[in-house]
Amino acid sequence: MTPLIANSLWFALCLPESATFQRATRHVVETQRRVLQRITGVSSVMEFQERVPLSDEPGVPCTPVIQRVPTSGTTGPTKFIPYTRSLLAEFQHGIGPWIADLFAHNPSLLTGKSYWAISPVANEAGGFSDDTEYLGRASWLAQATLAVPASVRHICDMEEWREETLRHLLACRDLTFISVWHPSFLTLLLQGMDEPVKLWPKLRVISCWGDAAAARPAGDLARMFPGVTIQPKGLIATEGFVSLPLWGRDGAALAVRSHFFEFLDDAGAVRLAHDLVNGREYSVVLTTSGGLNRYRLYDRVKVVGFEHECPLLRFVGKENHVSDRRGEKLNERHVQAALEMIGLDATFTMVACEGNAYILFAETTERDDQLLAAAGKLDAALRANVHYRYCRELGQLATFRVFRITSRGYATYLEACKRRGQRIGDVKPAALDCRDGWLGVFDGRLVPVNGSATRTTG
């Protein structure tokens, strides 16, 4: 089957979902009421909220489980999310409109092949066999257009996987679309190549995370591929499909036909989709047919506009990603905002605590004195958190340090996360990592405050 035939069939398959979604954006209240009744059998939102408390744990689905998919947390144990056929159908209610919108605005994508990120995770338990399986019944059409075959997933060695992936990609001159998760996944894959945009003259769109901690690496990717549109993904979690990108819109549209959504505001009050206010931030709560009932996703989103009645959302960061070694309660969103404020020119940055001191890990060409100044500014910005400031003033936390990463920052981080049990496809961009031991992972050195540098090798 040629790419044109496979993509055209896929486009046609997605058009009914797209049309239904567009109608739903004009009737959000009624759409969400019907979704709640479909999932729970209850049509009254108030009755449902009175009966079911907010939860942090997956429940038991009412329909047979076909797969248990791990979701790897950085601050807690791995959870296994039950997948049912009805949950997969809910994903299609979000994926279908996205794909139809993508093809409609970029008809040249119909003629070429695609690269959907295929991670080397064959030795990991659980999960789908490759990323295209999230596409549901359309996955066989997507696989007919793959530039890299799904069999590459079974290569466990990272370098061998990279070489084999590149071999297929370099042979694909009609590549038109790339879908990866973290933008650095692609940057890492193409490391050392000059002007990769010339390798694929027909490439038109790269889909990747582009919000929160992924914003800077997405910008790096845009500079690598001038003339190629970098489309930020919506908020898609293992637990559910929250939002989908629409061409030319700021933010991503809430997937109002996928699940029943609730949102917690800063005061802890529960809001529904039609209650959201432009410019405000909320925490996402999901109810799905996969056994999640009023499940706190701990993903923070900001409303940046509306598609008719449907809110357009931008991912802000994880809410429950908190480092608390001495009572400082540092939140990733605060760390991310502070890193953006200091404006450090780096290809990779991460903050983590080692012993009684927080360390800024940075892969950058800036001078040591500039890095130390950046750490001072970071420390000052984090002191806006009263708990952190108190720990610093009491001496419970020592002065911020800086570790200069000499090479392969994100690649090393990715490999370390894999060794620690995370699936590569689940490794999300993080400004703050709550685990320790990073001094022994990265190649580089601690920048000296006074005296000689401390050198280390990962």
Protein backbone atom coordinates (compact mmCIF):
# COMPACT_ATOMS: atom_id res chain seq x y z
CA MET A 1 0.00 0.00 0.00
CA THR A 2 1.44 3.40 -0.96
CA PRO A 3 1.71 6.20 1.63
CA LEU A 4 -0.86 8.25 -0.32
CA ILE A 5 -3.47 5.47 -0.17
CA ALA A 6 -2.79 4.60 3.50
CA ASN A 7 -2.79 8.23 4.66
CA SER A 8 -5.88 9.07 2.62
CA LEU A 9 -7.76 6.13 4.15
CA TRP A 10 -6.61 7.22 7.62
CA PHE A 11 -7.74 10.79 6.93
CA ALA A 12 -11.15 9.56 5.79
CA LEU A 13 -11.43 7.34 8.87
CA CYS A 14 -10.80 10.34 11.14
CA LEU A 15 -13.23 12.76 9.48
CA PRO A 16 -16.40 11.59 11.32
CA GLU A 17 -14.63 11.94 14.69
CA SER A 18 -13.45 15.39 13.68
CA ALA A 19 -16.94 16.55 12.66
CA THR A 20 -18.46 15.21 15.89
CA PHE A 21 -15.76 16.89 17.97
CA GLN A 22 -16.33 20.23 16.25
CA ARG A 23 -20.05 20.02 17.08
CA ALA A 24 -19.17 19.13 20.67
CA THR A 25 -17.05 22.28 21.08
CA ARG A 26 -20.28 24.27 20.71
CA HIS A 27 -22.16 22.22 23.33
CA VAL A 28 -19.65 21.47 26.09
CA VAL A 29 -22.13 21.15 28.99
CA GLU A 30 -24.33 18.60 27.23
CA THR A 31 -21.34 16.73 25.77
CA GLN A 32 -19.71 16.29 29.19
CA ARG A 33 -23.02 15.21 30.75
CA ARG A 34 -23.40 12.50 28.09
CA VAL A 35 -19.78 11.38 28.61
CA LEU A 36 -20.34 11.08 32.37
CA GLN A 37 -23.48 9.00 31.82
CA ARG A 38 -21.72 6.77 29.28
CA ILE A 39 -18.87 6.03 31.70
CA THR A 40 -20.68 5.85 35.06
CA GLY A 41 -24.38 5.43 34.26
CA VAL A 42 -25.04 8.61 36.25
CA SER A 43 -26.18 11.78 34.48
CA SER A 44 -26.19 14.08 37.50
CA VAL A 45 -22.79 15.65 38.12
CA MET A 46 -23.75 16.57 41.69
CA GLU A 47 -24.84 13.01 42.48
CA PHE A 48 -21.61 11.62 41.01
CA GLN A 49 -19.45 14.03 43.04
CA GLU A 50 -21.33 13.22 46.26
CA ARG A 51 -20.93 9.47 45.72
CA VAL A 52 -17.31 9.38 44.54
CA PRO A 53 -14.39 11.06 46.35
CA LEU A 54 -11.27 12.39 44.63
CA SER A 55 -8.67 9.63 44.21
CA ASP A 56 -4.98 9.09 43.51
CA GLU A 57 -5.25 5.42 42.58
CA PRO A 58 -6.66 3.50 39.59
CA GLY A 59 -9.87 1.63 40.23
CA VAL A 60 -11.34 -1.51 38.70
CA PRO A 61 -12.95 -1.07 35.26
CA CYS A 62 -16.41 -2.39 34.58
CA THR A 63 -15.28 -4.01 31.30
CA PRO A 64 -12.48 -6.53 30.65
CA VAL A 65 -8.89 -5.29 30.89
CA ILE A 66 -6.89 -5.98 27.73
CA GLN A 67 -3.60 -4.46 28.90
CA ARG A 68 -2.05 -2.91 32.00
CA VAL A 69 0.16 -0.03 30.98
CA PRO A 70 2.80 1.27 33.40
CA THR A 71 3.01 4.95 34.12
CA SER A 72 6.37 5.80 35.62
CA GLY A 73 6.37 8.41 38.33
CA THR A 74 9.51 10.20 39.45
CA THR A 75 8.41 10.62 43.06
CA GLY A 76 6.57 7.36 43.69
CA PRO A 77 6.25 3.75 42.59
CA THR A 78 5.09 2.76 39.14
CA LYS A 79 1.33 2.51 38.72
CA PHE A 80 -0.32 0.22 36.20
CA ILE A 81 -3.24 1.76 34.36
CA PRO A 82 -5.87 -0.75 33.17
CA TYR A 83 -6.69 -0.37 29.49
CA THR A 84 -10.04 -1.51 28.17
CA ARG A 85 -11.44 -1.35 24.66
CA SER A 86 -13.73 1.46 25.76
CA LEU A 87 -10.73 3.45 27.08
CA LEU A 88 -8.93 3.00 23.76
CA ALA A 89 -12.07 4.29 22.04
CA GLU A 90 -11.94 7.35 24.30
CA PHE A 91 -8.38 7.98 23.11
CA GLN A 92 -9.63 7.86 19.52
CA HIS A 93 -12.15 10.61 20.30
CA GLY A 94 -9.09 12.84 20.77
CA ILE A 95 -6.64 11.37 18.27
CA GLY A 96 -9.11 11.32 15.37
CA PRO A 97 -9.84 15.08 15.36
CA TRP A 98 -6.13 15.86 15.73
CA ILE A 99 -5.09 13.69 12.77
CA ALA A 100 -7.94 14.96 10.59
CA ASP A 101 -7.05 18.57 11.42
CA LEU A 102 -3.37 17.88 10.72
CA PHE A 103 -4.03 16.38 7.27
CA ALA A 104 -6.63 19.03 6.39
CA HIS A 105 -4.15 21.86 6.96
CA ASN A 106 -1.15 19.98 5.54
CA PRO A 107 -2.31 17.92 2.53
CA SER A 108 1.30 17.27 1.53
CA LEU A 109 1.53 14.94 4.56
CA LEU A 110 -0.73 12.53 2.69
CA THR A 111 1.97 11.78 0.13
CA GLY A 112 4.84 10.84 2.43
CA LYS A 113 6.00 8.58 5.23
CA SER A 114 6.09 9.27 8.95
CA TYR A 115 8.36 8.57 11.87
CA TRP A 116 6.52 7.77 15.09
CA ALA A 117 8.96 7.46 17.98
CA ILE A 118 9.70 3.82 18.64
CA SER A 119 11.61 3.37 21.89
CA PRO A 120 14.04 0.53 22.64
CA VAL A 121 11.97 -0.90 25.46
CA ALA A 122 11.58 -4.58 24.57
CA ASN A 123 13.02 -5.67 27.92
CA GLU A 124 10.49 -3.68 29.94
CA ALA A 125 7.36 -5.24 31.33
CA GLY A 126 3.93 -4.03 30.28
CA GLY A 127 2.96 -1.37 27.84
CA PHE A 128 2.12 -1.46 24.17
CA SER A 129 4.41 -3.03 21.61
CA ASP A 130 5.05 0.35 19.97
CA ASP A 131 3.79 3.94 20.12
CA THR A 132 1.45 3.59 17.14
CA GLU A 133 -0.78 1.20 19.11
CA TYR A 134 -2.26 4.25 20.84
CA LEU A 135 -3.79 5.03 17.43
CA GLY A 136 -6.25 2.17 17.85
CA ARG A 137 -7.89 0.67 14.78
CA ALA A 138 -6.02 3.13 12.53
CA SER A 139 -2.64 1.79 13.69
CA TRP A 140 -2.37 -0.62 10.74
CA LEU A 141 -2.73 2.31 8.35
CA ALA A 142 -0.11 4.32 10.23
CA GLN A 143 2.25 1.34 10.22
CA ALA A 144 1.91 1.14 6.43
CA THR A 145 3.57 4.56 6.22
CA LEU A 146 6.30 4.10 8.86
CA ALA A 147 9.80 5.20 7.88
CA VAL A 148 11.20 3.04 10.70
CA PRO A 149 9.66 -0.41 11.21
CA ALA A 150 8.20 -1.29 14.60
CA SER A 151 10.67 -4.20 14.87
CA VAL A 152 13.39 -1.69 15.82
CA ARG A 153 11.75 -1.59 19.24
CA HIS A 154 13.17 -5.02 20.04
CA ILE A 155 16.76 -3.72 19.98
CA CYS A 156 17.73 -3.24 23.62
CA ASP A 157 21.18 -1.71 23.14
CA MET A 158 20.81 2.07 22.90
CA GLU A 159 23.61 2.64 20.39
CA GLU A 160 22.53 -0.24 18.16
CA TRP A 161 18.94 1.04 18.30
CA ARG A 162 20.10 4.54 17.31
CA GLU A 163 22.17 3.24 14.38
CA GLU A 164 19.35 1.07 13.06
CA THR A 165 16.78 3.88 13.46
CA LEU A 166 19.04 6.31 11.61
CA ARG A 167 19.71 3.78 8.86
CA HIS A 168 16.00 3.61 8.08
CA LEU A 169 15.45 7.36 8.46
CA LEU A 170 18.34 8.30 6.19
CA ALA A 171 16.99 5.99 3.52
CA CYS A 172 13.57 7.66 3.63
CA ARG A 173 13.68 10.66 1.29
CA ASP A 174 9.90 11.14 1.35
CA LEU A 175 9.60 11.67 5.12
CA THR A 176 6.90 14.30 5.73
CA PHE A 177 5.94 13.94 9.42
CA ILE A 178 7.73 13.18 12.69
CA SER A 179 6.05 12.47 16.03
CA VAL A 180 8.19 12.22 19.16
CA TRP A 181 7.51 12.96 22.82
CA HIS A 182 10.33 15.04 24.25
CA PRO A 183 11.96 17.17 21.52
CA SER A 184 15.39 16.18 22.81
CA PHE A 185 14.56 12.60 21.80
CA LEU A 186 14.97 13.73 18.19
CA THR A 187 17.88 16.06 18.93
CA LEU A 188 19.69 13.16 20.58
CA LEU A 189 18.90 10.82 17.71
CA LEU A 190 20.37 13.25 15.16
CA GLN A 191 23.35 14.29 17.28
CA GLY A 192 26.42 15.14 15.18
CA MET A 193 24.53 15.63 11.92
CA ASP A 194 24.99 18.92 10.08
CA GLU A 195 21.82 20.57 8.76
CA PRO A 196 19.50 17.59 9.24
CA VAL A 197 16.71 19.56 7.57
CA LYS A 198 18.42 18.86 4.22
CA LEU A 199 18.11 15.12 4.76
CA TRP A 200 14.33 15.25 4.39
CA PRO A 201 13.31 17.96 1.91
CA LYS A 202 9.62 17.02 2.17
CA LEU A 203 9.43 17.18 5.97
CA ARG A 204 6.64 19.57 6.97
CA VAL A 205 5.61 18.95 10.60
CA ILE A 206 7.28 17.73 13.80
CA SER A 207 4.92 16.92 16.67
CA CYS A 208 6.48 17.02 20.17
CA TRP A 209 6.03 18.38 23.67
CA GLY A 210 6.47 22.14 23.58
CA ASP A 211 5.26 23.46 26.93
CA ALA A 212 6.78 23.91 30.40
CA ALA A 213 10.27 22.34 30.60
CA ALA A 214 10.05 21.20 26.96
CA ALA A 215 9.72 24.75 25.59
CA ARG A 216 13.47 25.43 25.30
CA PRO A 217 14.40 22.10 23.62
CA ALA A 218 11.43 22.55 21.27
CA GLY A 219 12.94 25.90 20.31
CA ASP A 220 16.28 24.19 19.67
CA LEU A 221 14.48 21.73 17.39
CA ALA A 222 12.88 24.60 15.48
CA ARG A 223 16.32 26.08 14.81
CA MET A 224 17.54 22.69 13.57
CA PHE A 225 14.61 22.48 11.14
CA PRO A 226 13.95 25.94 9.69
CA GLY A 227 10.80 25.98 7.60
CA VAL A 228 9.36 22.94 9.41
CA THR A 229 6.38 23.54 11.71
CA ILE A 230 6.93 22.39 15.30
CA GLN A 231 3.45 21.56 16.61
CA PRO A 232 3.28 21.22 20.41
CA LYS A 233 1.37 18.13 21.43
CA GLY A 234 -1.66 18.38 23.60
CA LEU A 235 -1.68 16.90 27.08
CA ILE A 236 -1.68 13.13 26.59
CA ALA A 237 -1.01 10.96 29.64
CA THR A 238 -0.96 7.21 30.07
CA GLU A 239 -4.08 7.67 32.18
CA GLY A 240 -6.05 9.55 29.56
CA PHE A 241 -6.28 11.94 26.62
CA VAL A 242 -6.72 15.46 27.98
CA SER A 243 -6.24 17.85 25.05
CA LEU A 244 -5.44 17.90 21.35
CA PRO A 245 -3.68 20.50 19.19
CA LEU A 246 -5.64 22.30 16.50
CA TRP A 247 -3.76 23.98 13.67
CA GLY A 248 -3.05 27.65 14.25
CA ARG A 249 -4.57 27.73 17.77
CA ASP A 250 -2.74 28.82 20.89
CA GLY A 251 -2.91 25.92 23.31
CA ALA A 252 -4.70 22.60 22.83
CA ALA A 253 -8.44 21.94 22.91
CA LEU A 254 -9.89 19.97 25.81
CA ALA A 255 -10.87 16.52 24.53
CA VAL A 256 -14.46 16.98 25.67
CA ARG A 257 -15.67 13.73 24.06
CA SER A 258 -12.96 11.53 25.57
CA HIS A 259 -13.46 11.57 29.34
CA PHE A 260 -15.37 13.42 32.04
CA PHE A 261 -13.21 16.28 33.28
CA GLU A 262 -13.15 18.23 36.50
CA PHE A 263 -10.69 20.94 37.46
CA LEU A 264 -9.46 22.12 40.84
CA ASP A 265 -8.80 25.83 41.18
CA ASP A 266 -6.24 27.43 43.52
CA ALA A 267 -8.75 27.42 46.37
CA GLY A 268 -9.44 23.71 45.90
CA ALA A 269 -12.93 24.29 44.48
CA VAL A 270 -14.11 21.91 41.77
CA ARG A 271 -14.87 23.46 38.38
CA LEU A 272 -16.32 21.86 35.26
CA ALA A 273 -15.13 22.42 31.70
CA HIS A 274 -17.67 25.17 30.99
CA ASP A 275 -16.74 27.00 34.23
CA LEU A 276 -13.09 27.61 33.34
CA VAL A 277 -11.85 31.19 33.12
CA ASN A 278 -9.37 32.45 30.55
CA GLY A 279 -5.96 33.11 32.08
CA ARG A 280 -6.53 30.95 35.18
CA GLU A 281 -4.68 27.75 36.11
CA TYR A 282 -6.28 24.49 37.21
CA SER A 283 -5.41 20.93 38.22
CA VAL A 284 -6.89 18.18 36.03
CA VAL A 285 -9.19 15.46 37.42
CA LEU A 286 -10.17 12.52 35.15
CA THR A 287 -13.00 10.03 35.05
CA THR A 288 -12.48 7.39 32.37
CA SER A 289 -13.89 4.02 31.34
CA GLY A 290 -10.49 2.54 32.28
CA GLY A 291 -11.37 2.50 35.98
CA LEU A 292 -10.24 6.02 36.89
CA ASN A 293 -12.92 7.78 38.92
CA ARG A 294 -12.27 11.41 39.85
CA TYR A 295 -8.58 10.59 39.48
CA ARG A 296 -6.18 13.44 40.25
CA LEU A 297 -3.73 13.59 37.39
CA TYR A 298 -1.66 16.28 39.17
CA ASP A 299 -1.13 18.00 35.83
CA ARG A 300 -1.45 21.77 35.97
CA VAL A 301 -2.94 23.56 32.96
CA LYS A 302 -3.60 27.19 32.06
CA VAL A 303 -6.59 28.34 30.02
CA VAL A 304 -5.28 30.37 27.06
CA GLY A 305 -8.49 30.77 25.04
CA PHE A 306 -11.54 28.95 23.70
CA GLU A 307 -12.61 27.03 20.60
CA HIS A 308 -16.29 28.03 20.66
CA GLU A 309 -17.21 26.86 24.19
CA CYS A 310 -14.28 24.44 24.50
CA PRO A 311 -11.31 25.65 26.60
CA LEU A 312 -7.86 25.76 25.02
CA LEU A 313 -5.23 24.61 27.52
CA ARG A 314 -1.49 24.83 27.92
CA PHE A 315 0.40 22.41 30.16
CA VAL A 316 2.17 24.25 33.01
CA GLY A 317 3.78 21.42 34.98
CA LYS A 318 3.30 18.61 37.46
CA GLU A 319 1.65 19.56 40.75
CA ASN A 320 2.80 16.65 42.88
CA HIS A 321 6.43 16.89 41.81
CA VAL A 322 7.77 18.25 45.10
CA SER A 323 11.23 17.89 46.61
CA ASP A 324 11.13 17.97 50.41
CA ARG A 325 14.46 16.93 51.96
CA ARG A 326 14.50 19.44 54.84
CA GLY A 327 10.94 20.74 54.77
CA GLU A 328 11.61 23.08 51.82
CA LYS A 329 8.70 21.77 49.68
CA LEU A 330 10.13 22.89 46.33
CA ASN A 331 7.60 22.49 43.52
CA GLU A 332 8.69 21.78 39.94
CA ARG A 333 6.53 24.59 38.58
CA HIS A 334 8.37 27.09 40.79
CA VAL A 335 11.77 25.69 39.75
CA GLN A 336 10.78 25.81 36.08
CA ALA A 337 9.64 29.44 36.37
CA ALA A 338 12.90 30.35 38.15
CA LEU A 339 15.00 28.68 35.43
CA GLU A 340 13.11 30.60 32.77
CA MET A 341 13.65 33.82 34.70
CA ILE A 342 17.45 33.48 34.90
CA GLY A 343 17.63 32.82 31.14
CA LEU A 344 20.55 30.40 31.18
CA ASP A 345 21.71 29.46 27.67
CA ALA A 346 21.93 25.67 28.03
CA THR A 347 21.02 22.58 26.03
CA PHE A 348 20.08 20.69 29.20
CA THR A 349 19.25 21.87 32.72
CA MET A 350 17.95 20.10 35.78
CA VAL A 351 17.83 20.83 39.50
CA ALA A 352 18.29 18.03 42.04
CA CYS A 353 19.27 17.77 45.70
CA GLU A 354 22.43 15.95 46.78
CA GLY A 355 22.98 15.70 50.50
CA ASN A 356 21.97 19.05 51.96
CA ALA A 357 22.49 21.18 48.84
CA TYR A 358 20.55 21.72 45.66
CA ILE A 359 22.59 21.49 42.48
CA LEU A 360 21.96 23.04 39.10
CA PHE A 361 23.05 20.52 36.46
CA ALA A 362 23.71 22.36 33.20
CA GLU A 363 25.16 21.51 29.81
CA THR A 364 26.24 24.91 28.52
CA THR A 365 29.09 26.93 27.00
CA GLU A 366 28.70 29.77 29.49
CA ARG A 367 31.67 30.58 31.74
CA ASP A 368 32.01 29.29 35.28
CA ASP A 369 31.42 32.74 36.77
CA GLN A 370 28.24 33.08 34.71
CA LEU A 371 27.05 29.71 35.95
CA LEU A 372 27.70 30.64 39.56
CA ALA A 373 25.85 33.92 39.05
CA ALA A 374 22.93 31.98 37.54
CA ALA A 375 22.88 29.68 40.58
CA GLY A 376 22.76 32.72 42.86
CA LYS A 377 19.81 34.13 40.93
CA LEU A 378 18.10 30.74 41.03
CA ASP A 379 18.56 30.52 44.79
CA ALA A 380 17.15 34.05 45.21
CA ALA A 381 14.11 33.22 43.07
CA LEU A 382 13.40 30.03 45.02
CA ARG A 383 13.50 31.95 48.30
CA ALA A 384 10.05 33.25 47.35
CA ASN A 385 8.99 29.86 48.75
CA VAL A 386 8.85 30.56 52.50
CA HIS A 387 9.73 26.95 53.37
CA TYR A 388 12.82 26.96 51.17
CA ARG A 389 13.89 30.37 52.48
CA TYR A 390 13.51 29.18 56.08
CA CYS A 391 15.63 26.06 55.40
CA ARG A 392 18.34 28.19 53.80
CA GLU A 393 18.36 30.72 56.63
CA LEU A 394 18.59 27.96 59.26
CA GLY A 395 21.43 26.31 57.36
CA GLN A 396 19.45 23.12 56.83
CA LEU A 397 20.15 23.59 53.14
CA ALA A 398 23.60 24.66 51.98
CA THR A 399 24.47 27.10 49.20
CA PHE A 400 23.28 26.22 45.69
CA ARG A 401 25.98 24.47 43.67
CA VAL A 402 26.50 24.07 39.92
CA PHE A 403 27.54 20.93 38.05
CA ARG A 404 28.82 21.56 34.53
CA ILE A 405 27.84 18.65 32.26
CA THR A 406 30.48 18.22 29.58
CA SER A 407 28.43 16.22 27.06
CA ARG A 408 25.31 14.14 26.38
CA GLY A 409 23.23 15.67 29.16
CA TYR A 410 19.78 14.62 28.06
CA ALA A 411 21.02 11.32 26.61
CA THR A 412 22.62 10.43 29.94
CA TYR A 413 19.48 11.45 31.82
CA LEU A 414 17.36 9.30 29.51
CA GLU A 415 19.61 6.28 29.95
CA ALA A 416 19.64 6.71 33.74
CA CYS A 417 15.84 6.91 33.88
CA LYS A 418 15.65 3.71 31.84
CA ARG A 419 18.01 1.95 34.27
CA ARG A 420 15.81 3.13 37.13
CA GLY A 421 12.80 1.39 35.61
CA GLN A 422 11.11 4.09 33.52
CA ARG A 423 9.94 3.43 29.99
CA ILE A 424 11.68 5.85 27.63
CA GLY A 425 8.34 6.92 26.20
CA ASP A 426 7.25 7.92 29.72
CA VAL A 427 10.31 10.05 30.55
CA LYS A 428 8.87 13.55 30.64
CA PRO A 429 10.83 16.81 30.73
CA ALA A 430 11.52 17.81 34.30
CA ALA A 431 13.10 20.96 35.67
CA LEU A 432 13.29 19.29 39.09
CA ASP A 433 14.20 15.67 39.76
CA CYS A 434 13.43 14.48 43.27
CA ARG A 435 15.79 11.49 43.17
CA ASP A 436 19.39 11.63 44.30
CA GLY A 437 22.60 10.12 42.94
CA TRP A 438 22.91 12.38 39.88
CA LEU A 439 26.48 13.44 40.70
CA GLY A 440 27.55 9.92 39.82
CA VAL A 441 25.57 9.83 36.59
CA PHE A 442 26.63 12.78 34.45
CA ASP A 443 30.06 13.40 32.94
CA GLY A 444 31.44 16.72 34.15
CA ARG A 445 32.48 18.58 37.27
CA LEU A 446 31.21 20.72 40.10
CA VAL A 447 32.00 24.35 39.38
CA PRO A 448 34.34 25.62 42.13
CA VAL A 449 33.17 28.40 44.36
CA ASN A 450 36.67 28.71 45.81
CA GLY A 451 39.57 26.42 45.05
CA SER A 452 39.68 23.53 42.61
CA ALA A 453 36.82 21.92 40.80
CA THR A 454 35.58 18.52 41.85
CA ARG A 455 35.66 16.23 38.85
CA THR A 456 33.51 13.23 38.30
CA THR A 457 32.68 10.77 35.55
CA GLY A 458 29.21 9.30 35.06
